[in-house]
Protein backbone atom coordinates (compact mmCIF):
# COMPACT_ATOMS: atom_id res chain seq x y z
CA MET A 1 0.00 0.00 0.00
CA HIS A 2 1.38 3.36 -0.98
CA SER A 3 1.54 6.19 1.52
CA ALA A 4 0.56 9.71 0.60
CA THR A 5 3.35 12.11 -0.28
CA PRO A 6 3.01 15.36 1.69
CA ASP A 7 4.25 18.84 0.82
CA ARG A 8 5.96 20.78 3.59
CA SER A 9 7.66 24.17 3.53
CA GLU A 10 10.66 25.31 5.53
CA GLN A 11 9.14 28.31 7.31
CA ALA A 12 5.75 29.69 8.32
CA ASP A 13 4.61 33.30 8.68
CA LEU A 14 2.48 32.74 11.78
CA VAL A 15 1.63 29.69 13.83
CA ILE A 16 -2.04 28.83 13.31
CA PRO A 17 -2.37 25.57 15.22
CA GLY A 18 -4.52 22.61 14.34
CA ASN A 19 -5.83 21.01 11.17
CA ILE A 20 -7.46 22.89 8.30
CA PHE A 21 -9.92 21.03 6.09
CA LEU A 22 -11.06 22.52 2.77
CA VAL A 23 -14.52 21.64 1.45
CA GLY A 24 -16.43 22.80 -1.59
CA MET A 25 -17.58 21.86 -5.06
CA MET A 26 -15.33 20.32 -7.69
CA GLY A 27 -13.40 23.15 -9.31
CA ALA A 28 -13.59 25.42 -6.26
CA GLY A 29 -9.79 25.46 -5.94
CA LYS A 30 -9.36 23.32 -2.85
CA THR A 31 -6.16 21.61 -4.02
CA SER A 32 -4.49 24.79 -5.33
CA VAL A 33 -5.40 26.81 -2.24
CA GLY A 34 -4.57 23.98 0.13
CA ARG A 35 -1.10 23.42 -1.26
CA VAL A 36 -0.16 27.12 -1.01
CA LEU A 37 -1.75 27.52 2.41
CA ALA A 38 0.06 24.47 3.79
CA LYS A 39 3.42 25.80 2.65
CA ARG A 40 2.69 29.18 4.18
CA LEU A 41 1.64 27.70 7.53
CA ASN A 42 4.27 24.96 7.57
CA LYS A 43 1.72 22.18 7.65
CA VAL A 44 1.55 18.93 5.70
CA PHE A 45 -0.76 18.98 2.67
CA PHE A 46 -2.97 16.12 1.53
CA ASP A 47 -5.61 15.82 -1.18
CA SER A 48 -7.99 12.98 -0.32
CA ASP A 49 -8.74 12.17 -3.98
CA HIS A 50 -5.03 12.00 -4.78
CA VAL A 51 -4.43 9.70 -1.81
CA ILE A 52 -7.19 7.38 -3.03
CA GLU A 53 -5.72 7.33 -6.55
CA GLU A 54 -2.22 6.73 -5.18
CA ARG A 55 -3.36 3.77 -3.13
CA THR A 56 -5.56 2.14 -5.76
CA GLY A 57 -3.26 2.89 -8.68
CA VAL A 58 -6.13 4.14 -10.83
CA LYS A 59 -7.99 7.40 -11.49
CA ILE A 60 -11.20 8.29 -9.65
CA THR A 61 -13.13 7.82 -12.92
CA VAL A 62 -12.02 4.16 -13.06
CA ILE A 63 -13.12 3.57 -9.48
CA PHE A 64 -16.54 5.00 -10.36
CA GLU A 65 -16.75 2.76 -13.43
CA ILE A 66 -15.83 -0.41 -11.53
CA GLU A 67 -17.34 0.15 -8.08
CA GLY A 68 -19.90 2.86 -8.71
CA GLU A 69 -20.30 5.93 -6.52
CA PRO A 70 -21.14 3.87 -3.36
CA GLY A 71 -17.86 1.99 -3.68
CA PHE A 72 -15.92 5.20 -4.10
CA ARG A 73 -17.67 6.87 -1.14
CA HIS A 74 -16.75 3.91 1.07
CA ARG A 75 -13.08 4.32 0.15
CA GLU A 76 -13.35 8.07 0.62
CA SER A 77 -14.77 7.78 4.14
CA ALA A 78 -11.97 5.42 5.19
CA VAL A 79 -9.28 7.77 3.86
CA LEU A 80 -10.94 10.82 5.45
CA ASP A 81 -11.08 9.07 8.81
CA GLU A 82 -7.35 8.40 8.57
CA LEU A 83 -6.28 11.83 7.31
CA THR A 84 -8.44 13.89 9.67
CA ALA A 85 -6.91 12.00 12.61
CA LEU A 86 -3.47 13.40 11.77
CA ASP A 87 -2.03 16.56 13.33
CA GLU A 88 -1.10 19.86 11.68
CA VAL A 89 -2.39 19.07 8.20
CA VAL A 90 -4.17 20.97 5.46
CA LEU A 91 -6.57 18.61 3.72
CA ALA A 92 -8.35 19.21 0.42
CA THR A 93 -11.43 16.99 0.34
CA GLY A 94 -13.42 15.72 -2.61
CA GLY A 95 -16.56 17.60 -3.55
CA GLY A 96 -18.85 14.89 -2.19
CA ALA A 97 -16.95 14.22 1.02
CA ILE A 98 -19.63 16.03 3.05
CA LEU A 99 -22.46 13.76 1.88
CA ALA A 100 -21.89 11.24 4.68
CA GLU A 101 -22.82 12.44 8.16
CA GLU A 102 -19.87 10.58 9.68
CA ASN A 103 -17.51 12.52 7.40
CA ARG A 104 -19.06 15.84 8.37
CA ASP A 105 -18.73 14.97 12.06
CA ARG A 106 -15.07 14.04 11.69
CA LEU A 107 -14.24 17.16 9.71
CA ARG A 108 -15.98 19.54 12.08
CA THR A 109 -14.60 18.04 15.30
CA ARG A 110 -11.01 17.40 14.18
CA GLY A 111 -10.07 20.76 12.72
CA THR A 112 -11.17 24.05 11.20
CA VAL A 113 -13.37 23.55 8.14
CA VAL A 114 -13.15 26.10 5.33
CA TYR A 115 -15.84 26.22 2.64
CA LEU A 116 -14.47 27.57 -0.64
CA ARG A 117 -17.66 28.76 -2.32
CA ALA A 118 -17.79 29.42 -6.06
CA SER A 119 -20.63 30.20 -8.46
CA VAL A 120 -21.88 27.53 -10.84
CA LYS A 121 -20.66 29.68 -13.74
CA ASP A 122 -17.11 29.75 -12.36
CA LEU A 123 -17.22 26.04 -11.53
CA LEU A 124 -18.30 25.20 -15.07
CA ASN A 125 -15.48 27.28 -16.55
CA ARG A 126 -12.91 25.55 -14.35
CA THR A 127 -14.11 21.97 -14.93
CA ARG A 128 -15.29 21.96 -18.54
CA HIS A 129 -12.05 20.47 -19.91
CA ASP A 130 -11.32 18.16 -16.97
CA LYS A 131 -11.95 14.53 -17.93
CA ASN A 132 -11.41 13.25 -14.36
CA ARG A 133 -14.82 14.41 -13.10
CA PRO A 134 -17.07 11.33 -13.34
CA LEU A 135 -20.15 13.12 -12.03
CA LEU A 136 -19.93 15.58 -14.94
CA HIS A 137 -19.83 12.89 -17.63
CA THR A 138 -23.28 13.94 -18.80
CA ALA A 139 -24.89 15.69 -21.78
CA ASP A 140 -25.58 18.81 -19.70
CA PRO A 141 -22.75 19.52 -17.24
CA ARG A 142 -24.23 22.91 -16.29
CA ALA A 143 -27.52 21.35 -15.19
CA ARG A 144 -25.63 18.67 -13.29
CA LEU A 145 -23.48 21.27 -11.53
CA ASN A 146 -26.60 23.24 -10.61
CA GLU A 147 -28.16 20.11 -9.18
CA LEU A 148 -25.03 19.21 -7.19
CA TYR A 149 -24.62 22.77 -5.92
CA GLU A 150 -28.19 23.02 -4.66
CA SER A 151 -27.98 19.72 -2.82
CA ARG A 152 -24.47 20.20 -1.39
CA ASP A 153 -24.28 23.91 -0.56
CA PRO A 154 -26.39 23.51 2.63
CA LEU A 155 -24.08 20.69 3.78
CA TYR A 156 -20.95 22.75 3.14
CA ARG A 157 -22.48 25.60 5.13
CA GLU A 158 -23.46 23.22 7.94
CA VAL A 159 -19.95 21.86 8.41
CA ALA A 160 -17.91 25.03 7.75
CA HIS A 161 -16.34 27.22 10.43
CA VAL A 162 -15.16 29.69 7.77
CA THR A 163 -16.65 30.46 4.33
CA ILE A 164 -14.67 32.22 1.61
CA ASP A 165 -16.16 33.26 -1.74
CA THR A 166 -13.55 32.51 -4.39
CA GLY A 167 -14.79 34.73 -7.24
CA ASN A 168 -12.26 35.66 -9.92
CA GLN A 169 -9.47 36.70 -7.58
CA SER A 170 -5.94 35.40 -7.95
CA LEU A 171 -4.74 32.41 -5.98
CA THR A 172 -2.43 34.62 -3.92
CA THR A 173 -5.25 37.02 -3.04
CA LEU A 174 -7.54 34.14 -2.11
CA VAL A 175 -4.92 32.53 0.14
CA ASN A 176 -4.21 35.91 1.76
CA ARG A 177 -7.91 36.37 2.54
CA LEU A 178 -8.20 32.87 3.95
CA HIS A 179 -5.03 33.27 6.02
CA GLN A 180 -6.42 36.48 7.53
CA ALA A 181 -9.76 34.82 8.29
CA LEU A 182 -8.00 31.94 10.04
CA GLU A 183 -5.85 34.31 12.09
CA THR A 184 -8.95 36.20 13.18
CA ARG A 185 -10.84 33.04 14.06
CA CYS A 186 -8.12 31.31 16.04
CA ASP A 187 -7.59 34.47 18.11
CA GLN A 188 -11.21 34.48 19.24
CA PRO A 189 -12.17 32.86 22.57
CA SER A 190 -15.21 31.31 20.89
CA ALA A 191 -12.96 29.00 18.89
CA ALA A 192 -12.70 26.69 21.86
CA HIS A 193 -11.51 23.62 19.94
CA GLN A 194 -8.17 25.17 19.06
CA PRO A 195 -5.48 27.20 20.84
CA ARG A 196 -4.70 30.82 20.06
CA CYS A 197 -2.36 31.83 17.29
CA GLU A 198 1.28 32.30 18.20
CA PRO A 199 3.92 34.51 16.50
């Protein structure tokens, strides 16, 4: 069994303790944001879909073809249970990771959950040429994205501690906004599940 390969930077700007879990629709930028954020905060980065592909040796689309969505979701829950139990990680989750209640519970209680929210228009632009999106293998990807967004957005909101609208801003600007939001949150007494930030 292969182990996931993490990314770690040499230095961090500010110590924001604890795990950070990114949720949101496919194409919201979770992997791109997560990788940059992890380097900035000196945490280990994981992408749950990449870990699943690394361990099975095949793409997510192949897993869907062979095992169907239920089979993939079972694998996803097992990987999420393992990764969320780690310390000081930034984890980019798959778009449907929040569908299972047990996954939502683990995410919310084991770290700070960030919802990267994007419009259906932006999501369509970002995913239209990506062949590794099995749920969008349909004659009308826009309608499918609308359907997925309407069913999943309430679940993302339910589990999230922080929500960031991605819009058309640059990756650097988006990470800066998220970093600031995390600093603000972890310095508030109400964030009882995590210690205060440290310089």
